[in-house]
Amino acid sequence: MTACRRSYTAHDTVRPLKSRRGCKTCKIRRVKCGEERPDCQRCTSTGRKCEYETPATSYTFASAPPTVSILDNPLSSSPNTVWRERRAFAYYFQHAARCLTSGLDVDFWAGVIPQICRSEPAVWDAINAISALYEFPEQCLDPVFLRRRKEDFHSFNQNQKEALTWYSRSLSSIRTQIDRGNASPYVALITCVLYICIETIQGRVEEALQLYQQGVDLIFRLRAQADFNAIPDANTTLLENTIIPIFVRLGTVALSISGVPASGLFHGLQPSAENKFTSIHAARLAIVPVVAEGMLFQRMAQMHLLEARDNLVQRGELIGKQTALQVQLAQWRYTYDDFVRTFDREGTHLDKGAAASLLVYHAATRVIVSTSLSQDECIFDSHLQDFQVIVHQATVALEVSAGPDGTQPPFTFEMGVGLPLFLTVMKCRYLSLRRRAFDLLQKAPKVQGFYKCSPGAAIVDKIMQLEEENRRSLVEESRTRSNLDTITPSTGDKYNGESTGHSDLSYNNPIIKHGHSKDPSHISDVELVYADIPVPEKARIIFIGIFRPANGLPPNVSQREIAKWERSPDQTFMAYIRHRLDPVSETWSLAEEYVPIDC
């Protein structure tokens, strides 16, 4: 597994694996002991008698080879369980902890967590499980809530079994404390964060979402205790400044999953009143609530369009909310740009990866907020600049997170760039930019918080394929009408007997204009022709969702419609809406269709 580029310095407060369990002879001589058993190498090489104060113990920080060489051997190469634990901890501290999230939270993952694990066995076991799963990822990349099969412990490899054994032991330790009534809610919340991480690394988002809700409940309990000064100030600070923001970011990504309720933490979110950022961390704290509000607004707008589009009072309220969010987004960008200019003048180092991710989510939220009250797919064409920002900044973010060989880590606990790239490929109809976004989506970490990139990539790949096929069909249709010079838009296309006011082909025919082959099989090869021309309106489709017959059919889908594809019940299908032209009446209508996809 390739580690990300982020490295640690001598200023880190935690040192891994510094043992005080050397032999008595080396302690008396004040030399470093290799801690080999039964006789250390240093005593053996000098002919001295080697004695240890106590026999080797089976608990956590027991004897092991020195830190310098502990990562030289694979995790599964030693039969010594204690040695494997210590190696897992070394890998966590030196690699995983610094790549799980952005550099903004490295103090939590590489500082607070390792400190706590020294006194909490449950935390120790949990981070060792994270380490092993991160180094040897075996991820379920099925769509959320559409998992094909339940995992069988006996089918796991040795590294997975080891990791899940540590995970199980950690859970057992916490449950024992709870049963005895001596469990600290603070430690329980820390372990909950780690358990969410363990589940999401494996792609088990369903289980992670359950743990997430338990964590939210614990947060409310701890906040209530903090109101009565029942927990130390340092713990309260960590809760409010680090842990709750982590849960808010996870909850924001969860809003992209259909059927997942909004986190209770969103009720207390307030837009930032700051007119100046003093750090990139402050900029993130300010933008995340706006992103969450933007995704909640999208949900409300979708419900309005489906159920109450004629409710003018509700629409007026939504327009007011939309305007307020647009103002907040503009204010954040103005304040952020001022902050960056100050950094440039002072020559201060800026975390490029974190900064790029913030700009990606700012641009994506602008698109979401501005388009949610419209059912016209052409509205996205006016956001070309936002899509360009997403692609450019996502490129920067992925360059920062890449390892020395250019590969990405398998997982990030952060709001990664995957979701905004998914939005870009789905809604940006400019071929060149769209394909660049798709390439980035395929390269990105496979699991990003609660978001899985692989199912998203399969969905938008099929959407691109269908829309390009529809584009070619429209071009061929124009030829059959003997319009060989240009494809001229009509000012009033028939649409279910009414004028749409939009053109089905609102551009000159580039294939004919530039004299390329009339064979439609060659059209898709001429990418430069379509690079800066959006897919025409009538060629666009609207994504509805995905389903598997094995998990049940949507209410409006019949078994006969699915049977014609002759696929297994485990096949994933995508439901979508397309424009269909009646060849007799020459009127356009909307039709819901289904197509198998590979995810």
Foldseek 3Di string as FASTA:
>chain_A
DFFFPDFDDPPAPDDALPDPFAWPVCVVVVHDFQQDPPATPVCVVVVHDTHTPDPFDLDASTHEGDLVCLQVDDLPPDPRLNSSLSSLVSQQQGGVLPQQADPVCSCVSNNVLVVVCVPQVLSSLLSSLLSLCLVPPDAQQDPPPQGDDDDDLVPDDPSNVSSVVSNVVSVVSQVVCVVVVNHDLLVVLVSLVSVLSSCLSRVNLVVSLVSLLVSLVSLVVVVVCVVVVNDDPVSVCCSVLPSVVLSLQLQLVVLVDPPRDRRPSLVPDDADPDQADPALSSLVSRCSNLLSLLSVLLVVLVCCVVPPVVPVVSVVVSVVSLVVSVVSLVSSVVNVVVRVVVCVVVVHDHRLLSVLFSLLSSLLSNLSSVPSNDPQLCVCQVSPVSLVSLLVSLVRNLVNQAGPVRAHRQEYQGPHSLVSLLVSLQRPQQVQSNVSSLVSLVRYRQGYNSDGSVVSSQVSVVQVVQLVVLLLVVVVVVVVVVPQFFDDFDCFQAAVNGGPRFGQDHGTDQCSNVVHDPPSVCPVVPSVSRNGPGRGRQSHKAWDAKDFVVVPDPPVDDPVLVCVVVDDSSWMKTKIKHWDADPPVRHIYIDIHIDTTDD
